[in-house]
């Protein structure tokens, strides 16, 4: 899991990460699929983020997060599995 995060951030943003421990772990059940999301703490150890695969990148304050839209699985609300 850590290696995949490091690889993807290098390929998509041109940065090298130092990955820490699990920050959050959740399971979300959409109607057609159930996904397991693991959020890892990390810091940029080399490079500055570049838009290699994406059209936009923003650093935002936690207080501004409500101004952005997220997929249901990326919010704190989860559906019980079952």
PDB file of N, CA and C in Angstrom:
ATOM      1  N   UNK A   1       0.828  -1.189   0.000  1.00  0.00           N
ATOM      2  CA  UNK A   1       0.000   0.000   0.000  1.00  0.00           C
ATOM      3  C   UNK A   1       0.877   1.260   0.000  1.00  0.00           C
ATOM      4  N   UNK A   2       1.893   1.306   0.868  1.00  0.00           N
ATOM      5  CA  UNK A   2       2.771   2.464   0.927  1.00  0.00           C
ATOM      6  C   UNK A   2       3.526   2.651  -0.395  1.00  0.00           C
ATOM      7  N   UNK A   3       3.991   1.534  -0.970  1.00  0.00           N
ATOM      8  CA  UNK A   3       4.735   1.608  -2.233  1.00  0.00           C
ATOM      9  C   UNK A   3       3.853   2.140  -3.359  1.00  0.00           C
ATOM     10  N   UNK A   4       2.574   1.747  -3.360  1.00  0.00           N
ATOM     11  CA  UNK A   4       1.648   2.231  -4.393  1.00  0.00           C
ATOM     12  C   UNK A   4       1.437   3.744  -4.265  1.00  0.00           C
ATOM     13  N   UNK A   5       1.290   4.230  -3.046  1.00  0.00           N
ATOM     14  CA  UNK A   5       1.121   5.671  -2.825  1.00  0.00           C
ATOM     15  C   UNK A   5       2.356   6.438  -3.296  1.00  0.00           C
ATOM     16  N   UNK A   6       3.529   5.941  -2.935  1.00  0.00           N
ATOM     17  CA  UNK A   6       4.781   6.585  -3.343  1.00  0.00           C
ATOM     18  C   UNK A   6       4.892   6.614  -4.870  1.00  0.00           C
ATOM     19  N   UNK A   7       4.601   5.484  -5.502  1.00  0.00           N
ATOM     20  CA  UNK A   7       4.697   5.390  -6.967  1.00  0.00           C
ATOM     21  C   UNK A   7       3.711   6.339  -7.648  1.00  0.00           C
ATOM     22  N   UNK A   8       2.460   6.331  -7.211  1.00  0.00           N
ATOM     23  CA  UNK A   8       1.436   7.171  -7.838  1.00  0.00           C
ATOM     24  C   UNK A   8       1.739   8.654  -7.662  1.00  0.00           C
ATOM     25  N   UNK A   9       2.189   9.069  -6.495  1.00  0.00           N
ATOM     26  CA  UNK A   9       2.500  10.485  -6.283  1.00  0.00           C
ATOM     27  C   UNK A   9       3.698  10.912  -7.118  1.00  0.00           C
ATOM     28  N   UNK A  10       4.662  10.009  -7.317  1.00  0.00           N
ATOM     29  CA  UNK A  10       5.795  10.339  -8.179  1.00  0.00           C
ATOM     30  C   UNK A  10       5.351  10.448  -9.631  1.00  0.00           C
ATOM     31  N   UNK A  11       4.537   9.484 -10.091  1.00  0.00           N
ATOM     32  CA  UNK A  11       4.087   9.482 -11.490  1.00  0.00           C
ATOM     33  C   UNK A  11       3.153  10.644 -11.799  1.00  0.00           C
ATOM     34  N   UNK A  12       2.257  10.964 -10.874  1.00  0.00           N
ATOM     35  CA  UNK A  12       1.229  11.969 -11.150  1.00  0.00           C
ATOM     36  C   UNK A  12       1.595  13.386 -10.729  1.00  0.00           C
ATOM     37  N   UNK A  13       2.483  13.517  -9.730  1.00  0.00           N
ATOM     38  CA  UNK A  13       2.819  14.840  -9.212  1.00  0.00           C
ATOM     39  C   UNK A  13       4.313  15.148  -9.224  1.00  0.00           C
ATOM     40  N   UNK A  14       5.148  14.148  -9.526  1.00  0.00           N
ATOM     41  CA  UNK A  14       6.580  14.373  -9.572  1.00  0.00           C
ATOM     42  C   UNK A  14       7.220  14.599  -8.216  1.00  0.00           C
ATOM     43  N   UNK A  15       6.629  14.056  -7.158  1.00  0.00           N
ATOM     44  CA  UNK A  15       7.164  14.229  -5.809  1.00  0.00           C
ATOM     45  C   UNK A  15       7.515  12.870  -5.204  1.00  0.00           C
ATOM     46  N   UNK A  16       8.420  12.911  -4.222  1.00  0.00           N
ATOM     47  CA  UNK A  16       8.785  11.729  -3.459  1.00  0.00           C
ATOM     48  C   UNK A  16       8.198  11.903  -2.060  1.00  0.00           C
ATOM     49  N   UNK A  17       7.536  10.873  -1.563  1.00  0.00           N
ATOM     50  CA  UNK A  17       6.911  10.937  -0.240  1.00  0.00           C
ATOM     51  C   UNK A  17       7.661  10.111   0.783  1.00  0.00           C
ATOM     52  N   UNK A  18       7.607  10.575   2.023  1.00  0.00           N
ATOM     53  CA  UNK A  18       7.968   9.772   3.188  1.00  0.00           C
ATOM     54  C   UNK A  18       6.630   9.413   3.834  1.00  0.00           C
ATOM     55  N   UNK A  19       6.271   8.147   3.823  1.00  0.00           N
ATOM     56  CA  UNK A  19       4.954   7.703   4.271  1.00  0.00           C
ATOM     57  C   UNK A  19       4.998   7.293   5.740  1.00  0.00           C
ATOM     58  N   UNK A  20       3.999   7.740   6.475  1.00  0.00           N
ATOM     59  CA  UNK A  20       3.879   7.419   7.893  1.00  0.00           C
ATOM     60  C   UNK A  20       2.825   6.355   8.135  1.00  0.00           C
ATOM     61  N   UNK A  21       2.147   6.472   9.243  1.00  0.00           N
ATOM     62  CA  UNK A  21       1.171   5.467   9.660  1.00  0.00           C
ATOM     63  C   UNK A  21      -0.226   5.748   9.088  1.00  0.00           C
ATOM     64  N   UNK A  22      -1.116   4.802   9.307  1.00  0.00           N
ATOM     65  CA  UNK A  22      -2.503   4.932   8.853  1.00  0.00           C
ATOM     66  C   UNK A  22      -3.171   6.058   9.632  1.00  0.00           C
ATOM     67  N   UNK A  23      -3.790   6.980   8.886  1.00  0.00           N
ATOM     68  CA  UNK A  23      -4.497   8.119   9.466  1.00  0.00           C
ATOM     69  C   UNK A  23      -5.977   7.793   9.655  1.00  0.00           C
ATOM     70  N   UNK A  24      -6.554   7.114   8.652  1.00  0.00           N
ATOM     71  CA  UNK A  24      -7.969   6.733   8.710  1.00  0.00           C
ATOM     72  C   UNK A  24      -8.174   5.526   7.809  1.00  0.00           C
ATOM     73  N   UNK A  25      -9.143   4.718   8.172  1.00  0.00           N
ATOM     74  CA  UNK A  25      -9.452   3.506   7.425  1.00  0.00           C
ATOM     75  C   UNK A  25     -10.971   3.360   7.435  1.00  0.00           C
ATOM     76  N   UNK A  26     -11.580   3.224   6.269  1.00  0.00           N
ATOM     77  CA  UNK A  26     -13.035   3.138   6.213  1.00  0.00           C
ATOM     78  C   UNK A  26     -13.485   2.258   5.059  1.00  0.00           C
ATOM     79  N   UNK A  27     -14.687   1.746   5.184  1.00  0.00           N
ATOM     80  CA  UNK A  27     -15.321   0.955   4.132  1.00  0.00           C
ATOM     81  C   UNK A  27     -16.603   1.669   3.751  1.00  0.00           C
ATOM     82  N   UNK A  28     -16.852   1.790   2.452  1.00  0.00           N
ATOM     83  CA  UNK A  28     -18.059   2.463   1.973  1.00  0.00           C
ATOM     84  C   UNK A  28     -18.766   1.569   0.971  1.00  0.00           C
ATOM     85  N   UNK A  29     -20.064   1.379   1.173  1.00  0.00           N
ATOM     86  CA  UNK A  29     -20.856   0.536   0.275  1.00  0.00           C
ATOM     87  C   UNK A  29     -21.717   1.400  -0.636  1.00  0.00           C
ATOM     88  N   UNK A  30     -21.310   1.479  -1.909  1.00  0.00           N
ATOM     89  CA  UNK A  30     -22.174   2.044  -2.932  1.00  0.00           C
ATOM     90  C   UNK A  30     -23.191   0.953  -3.280  1.00  0.00           C
ATOM     91  N   UNK A  31     -24.202   1.277  -4.072  1.00  0.00           N
ATOM     92  CA  UNK A  31     -25.185   0.265  -4.459  1.00  0.00           C
ATOM     93  C   UNK A  31     -24.547  -0.882  -5.231  1.00  0.00           C
ATOM     94  N   UNK A  32     -23.590  -0.570  -6.106  1.00  0.00           N
ATOM     95  CA  UNK A  32     -23.031  -1.583  -6.998  1.00  0.00           C
ATOM     96  C   UNK A  32     -21.670  -2.134  -6.563  1.00  0.00           C
ATOM     97  N   UNK A  33     -21.014  -1.489  -5.591  1.00  0.00           N
ATOM     98  CA  UNK A  33     -19.672  -1.928  -5.191  1.00  0.00           C
ATOM     99  C   UNK A  33     -19.367  -1.434  -3.778  1.00  0.00           C
ATOM    100  N   UNK A  34     -18.559  -2.176  -3.068  1.00  0.00           N
ATOM    101  CA  UNK A  34     -18.071  -1.764  -1.757  1.00  0.00           C
ATOM    102  C   UNK A  34     -16.578  -1.502  -1.880  1.00  0.00           C
ATOM    103  N   UNK A  35     -16.137  -0.356  -1.351  1.00  0.00           N
ATOM    104  CA  UNK A  35     -14.723  -0.025  -1.436  1.00  0.00           C
ATOM    105  C   UNK A  35     -14.125   0.160  -0.046  1.00  0.00           C
ATOM    106  N   UNK A  36     -12.852  -0.119   0.063  1.00  0.00           N
ATOM    107  CA  UNK A  36     -12.097   0.037   1.304  1.00  0.00           C
ATOM    108  C   UNK A  36     -11.058   1.121   1.061  1.00  0.00           C
ATOM    109  N   UNK A  37     -11.139   2.213   1.824  1.00  0.00           N
ATOM    110  CA  UNK A  37     -10.215   3.335   1.678  1.00  0.00           C
ATOM    111  C   UNK A  37      -9.304   3.411   2.903  1.00  0.00           C
ATOM    112  N   UNK A  38      -8.008   3.508   2.661  1.00  0.00           N
ATOM    113  CA  UNK A  38      -7.036   3.698   3.726  1.00  0.00           C
ATOM    114  C   UNK A  38      -6.296   4.996   3.459  1.00  0.00           C
ATOM    115  N   UNK A  39      -6.302   5.895   4.435  1.00  0.00           N
ATOM    116  CA  UNK A  39      -5.616   7.176   4.318  1.00  0.00           C
ATOM    117  C   UNK A  39      -4.335   7.095   5.140  1.00  0.00           C
ATOM    118  N   UNK A  40      -3.212   7.389   4.487  1.00  0.00           N
ATOM    119  CA  UNK A  40      -1.918   7.336   5.157  1.00  0.00           C
ATOM    120  C   UNK A  40      -1.379   8.739   5.375  1.00  0.00           C
ATOM    121  N   UNK A  41      -0.748   8.970   6.507  1.00  0.00           N
ATOM    122  CA  UNK A  41      -0.043  10.220   6.725  1.00  0.00           C
ATOM    123  C   UNK A  41       1.213  10.218   5.864  1.00  0.00           C
ATOM    124  N   UNK A  42       1.577  11.351   5.295  1.00  0.00           N
ATOM    125  CA  UNK A  42       2.773  11.423   4.456  1.00  0.00           C
ATOM    126  C   UNK A  42       3.253  12.867   4.377  1.00  0.00           C
ATOM    127  N   UNK A  43       4.544  13.010   4.104  1.00  0.00           N
ATOM    128  CA  UNK A  43       5.118  14.334   3.855  1.00  0.00           C
ATOM    129  C   UNK A  43       5.932  14.267   2.566  1.00  0.00           C
ATOM    130  N   UNK A  44       6.029  15.387   1.899  1.00  0.00           N
ATOM    131  CA  UNK A  44       6.837  15.463   0.688  1.00  0.00           C
ATOM    132  C   UNK A  44       8.301  15.541   1.118  1.00  0.00           C
ATOM    133  N   UNK A  45       9.091  14.556   0.703  1.00  0.00           N
ATOM    134  CA  UNK A  45      10.506  14.566   1.063  1.00  0.00           C
ATOM    135  C   UNK A  45      11.390  15.127  -0.049  1.00  0.00           C
ATOM    136  N   UNK A  46      10.873  15.098  -1.300  1.00  0.00           N
ATOM    137  CA  UNK A  46      11.624  15.668  -2.424  1.00  0.00           C
ATOM    138  C   UNK A  46      10.653  16.206  -3.471  1.00  0.00           C
ATOM    139  N   UNK A  47      11.007  17.352  -4.049  1.00  0.00           N
ATOM    140  CA  UNK A  47      10.249  17.895  -5.162  1.00  0.00           C
ATOM    141  C   UNK A  47       9.137  18.842  -4.763  1.00  0.00           C
ATOM    142  N   UNK A  48       8.560  19.471  -5.778  1.00  0.00           N
ATOM    143  CA  UNK A  48       7.386  20.328  -5.631  1.00  0.00           C
ATOM    144  C   UNK A  48       6.311  19.731  -6.518  1.00  0.00           C
ATOM    145  N   UNK A  49       5.063  19.660  -6.043  1.00  0.00           N
ATOM    146  CA  UNK A  49       3.999  19.071  -6.860  1.00  0.00           C
ATOM    147  C   UNK A  49       3.864  19.762  -8.215  1.00  0.00           C
ATOM    148  N   UNK A  50       3.753  18.950  -9.255  1.00  0.00           N
ATOM    149  CA  UNK A  50       3.572  19.414 -10.625  1.00  0.00           C
ATOM    150  C   UNK A  50       2.320  18.764 -11.203  1.00  0.00           C
ATOM    151  N   UNK A  51       1.681  19.416 -12.136  1.00  0.00           N
ATOM    152  CA  UNK A  51       0.478  18.877 -12.769  1.00  0.00           C
ATOM    153  C   UNK A  51       0.864  17.990 -13.946  1.00  0.00           C
ATOM    154  N   UNK A  52       1.333  16.772 -13.657  1.00  0.00           N
ATOM    155  CA  UNK A  52       1.748  15.844 -14.706  1.00  0.00           C
ATOM    156  C   UNK A  52       0.575  15.045 -15.265  1.00  0.00           C
ATOM    157  N   UNK A  53      -0.429  14.775 -14.452  1.00  0.00           N
ATOM    158  CA  UNK A  53      -1.586  13.969 -14.858  1.00  0.00           C
ATOM    159  C   UNK A  53      -2.913  14.657 -14.569  1.00  0.00           C
ATOM    160  N   UNK A  54      -2.880  15.805 -13.930  1.00  0.00           N
ATOM    161  CA  UNK A  54      -4.105  16.464 -13.478  1.00  0.00           C
ATOM    162  C   UNK A  54      -4.178  17.887 -14.006  1.00  0.00           C
ATOM    163  N   UNK A  55      -5.380  18.458 -13.978  1.00  0.00           N
ATOM    164  CA  UNK A  55      -5.592  19.816 -14.484  1.00  0.00           C
ATOM    165  C   UNK A  55      -5.521  20.871 -13.380  1.00  0.00           C
ATOM    166  N   UNK A  56      -5.623  20.446 -12.101  1.00  0.00           N
ATOM    167  CA  UNK A  56      -5.669  21.421 -11.019  1.00  0.00           C
ATOM    168  C   UNK A  56      -5.085  20.802  -9.757  1.00  0.00           C
ATOM    169  N   UNK A  57      -4.500  21.637  -8.922  1.00  0.00           N
ATOM    170  CA  UNK A  57      -3.944  21.228  -7.636  1.00  0.00           C
ATOM    171  C   UNK A  57      -4.085  22.407  -6.694  1.00  0.00           C
ATOM    172  N   UNK A  58      -4.591  22.155  -5.490  1.00  0.00           N
ATOM    173  CA  UNK A  58      -4.774  23.243  -4.527  1.00  0.00           C
ATOM    174  C   UNK A  58      -4.447  22.773  -3.120  1.00  0.00           C
ATOM    175  N   UNK A  59      -3.777  23.627  -2.377  1.00  0.00           N
ATOM    176  CA  UNK A  59      -3.623  23.444  -0.944  1.00  0.00           C
ATOM    177  C   UNK A  59      -4.746  24.263  -0.328  1.00  0.00           C
ATOM    178  N   UNK A  60      -5.551  23.647   0.507  1.00  0.00           N
ATOM    179  CA  UNK A  60      -6.669  24.376   1.117  1.00  0.00           C
ATOM    180  C   UNK A  60      -6.619  24.244   2.628  1.00  0.00           C
ATOM    181  N   UNK A  61      -7.284  25.168   3.288  1.00  0.00           N
ATOM    182  CA  UNK A  61      -7.425  25.109   4.740  1.00  0.00           C
ATOM    183  C   UNK A  61      -8.550  24.144   5.081  1.00  0.00           C
ATOM    184  N   UNK A  62      -8.433  23.502   6.220  1.00  0.00           N
ATOM    185  CA  UNK A  62      -9.481  22.584   6.666  1.00  0.00           C
ATOM    186  C   UNK A  62     -10.832  23.295   6.736  1.00  0.00           C
ATOM    187  N   UNK A  63     -10.825  24.548   7.142  1.00  0.00           N
ATOM    188  CA  UNK A  63     -12.076  25.312   7.262  1.00  0.00           C
ATOM    189  C   UNK A  63     -12.732  25.583   5.908  1.00  0.00           C
ATOM    190  N   UNK A  64     -11.991  25.442   4.809  1.00  0.00           N
ATOM    191  CA  UNK A  64     -12.541  25.689   3.476  1.00  0.00           C
ATOM    192  C   UNK A  64     -13.018  24.419   2.773  1.00  0.00           C
ATOM    193  N   UNK A  65     -12.900  23.276   3.406  1.00  0.00           N
ATOM    194  CA  UNK A  65     -13.212  22.008   2.734  1.00  0.00           C
ATOM    195  C   UNK A  65     -14.681  21.908   2.315  1.00  0.00           C
ATOM    196  N   UNK A  66     -15.568  22.606   3.012  1.00  0.00           N
ATOM    197  CA  UNK A  66     -16.990  22.550   2.658  1.00  0.00           C
ATOM    198  C   UNK A  66     -17.296  23.220   1.322  1.00  0.00           C
ATOM    199  N   UNK A  67     -16.345  23.980   0.787  1.00  0.00           N
ATOM    200  CA  UNK A  67     -16.541  24.642  -0.504  1.00  0.00           C
ATOM    201  C   UNK A  67     -16.258  23.701  -1.683  1.00  0.00           C
ATOM    202  N   UNK A  68     -15.861  22.457  -1.419  1.00  0.00           N
ATOM    203  CA  UNK A  68     -15.487  21.503  -2.460  1.00  0.00           C
ATOM    204  C   UNK A  68     -16.399  20.284  -2.419  1.00  0.00           C
ATOM    205  N   UNK A  69     -16.603  19.687  -3.581  1.00  0.00           N
ATOM    206  CA  UNK A  69     -17.436  18.485  -3.686  1.00  0.00           C
ATOM    207  C   UNK A  69     -16.561  17.239  -3.653  1.00  0.00           C
ATOM    208  N   UNK A  70     -17.039  16.203  -2.987  1.00  0.00           N
ATOM    209  CA  UNK A  70     -16.324  14.942  -2.895  1.00  0.00           C
ATOM    210  C   UNK A  70     -17.281  13.789  -3.188  1.00  0.00           C
ATOM    211  N   UNK A  71     -16.726  12.690  -3.617  1.00  0.00           N
ATOM    212  CA  UNK A  71     -17.522  11.472  -3.785  1.00  0.00           C
ATOM    213  C   UNK A  71     -18.026  11.038  -2.412  1.00  0.00           C
ATOM    214  N   UNK A  72     -19.169  10.354  -2.347  1.00  0.00           N
ATOM    215  CA  UNK A  72     -19.699   9.939  -1.048  1.00  0.00           C
ATOM    216  C   UNK A  72     -18.692   9.165  -0.186  1.00  0.00           C
ATOM    217  N   UNK A  73     -17.881   8.320  -0.792  1.00  0.00           N
ATOM    218  CA  UNK A  73     -16.918   7.529  -0.018  1.00  0.00           C
ATOM    219  C   UNK A  73     -15.800   8.383   0.571  1.00  0.00           C
ATOM    220  N   UNK A  74     -15.614   9.598   0.055  1.00  0.00           N
ATOM    221  CA  UNK A  74     -14.552  10.468   0.537  1.00  0.00           C
ATOM    222  C   UNK A  74     -15.006  11.396   1.662  1.00  0.00           C
ATOM    223  N   UNK A  75     -16.233  11.220   2.128  1.00  0.00           N
ATOM    224  CA  UNK A  75     -16.730  12.023   3.247  1.00  0.00           C
ATOM    225  C   UNK A  75     -16.707  11.167   4.508  1.00  0.00           C
ATOM    226  N   UNK A  76     -17.066  11.750   5.627  1.00  0.00           N
ATOM    227  CA  UNK A  76     -17.072  11.005   6.891  1.00  0.00           C
ATOM    228  C   UNK A  76     -18.263  10.062   6.989  1.00  0.00           C
ATOM    229  N   UNK A  77     -19.284  10.249   6.187  1.00  0.00           N
ATOM    230  CA  UNK A  77     -20.470   9.409   6.258  1.00  0.00           C
ATOM    231  C   UNK A  77     -20.201   8.084   5.547  1.00  0.00           C
ATOM    232  N   UNK A  78     -20.581   6.998   6.168  1.00  0.00           N
ATOM    233  CA  UNK A  78     -20.432   5.683   5.530  1.00  0.00           C
ATOM    234  C   UNK A  78     -21.707   4.893   5.702  1.00  0.00           C
ATOM    235  N   UNK A  79     -21.976   4.007   4.768  1.00  0.00           N
ATOM    236  CA  UNK A  79     -23.115   3.096   4.870  1.00  0.00           C
ATOM    237  C   UNK A  79     -22.633   1.829   5.569  1.00  0.00           C
ATOM    238  N   UNK A  80     -23.453   1.265   6.450  1.00  0.00           N
ATOM    239  CA  UNK A  80     -23.028   0.010   7.073  1.00  0.00           C
ATOM    240  C   UNK A  80     -22.949  -1.111   6.035  1.00  0.00           C
ATOM    241  N   UNK A  81     -21.975  -1.973   6.211  1.00  0.00           N
ATOM    242  CA  UNK A  81     -21.853  -3.129   5.307  1.00  0.00           C
ATOM    243  C   UNK A  81     -22.895  -4.160   5.738  1.00  0.00           C
ATOM    244  N   UNK A  82     -23.363  -4.919   4.751  1.00  0.00           N
ATOM    245  CA  UNK A  82     -24.238  -5.954   5.211  1.00  0.00           C
ATOM    246  C   UNK A  82     -25.133  -6.481   4.210  1.00  0.00           C
TER     247      UNK A  82
END
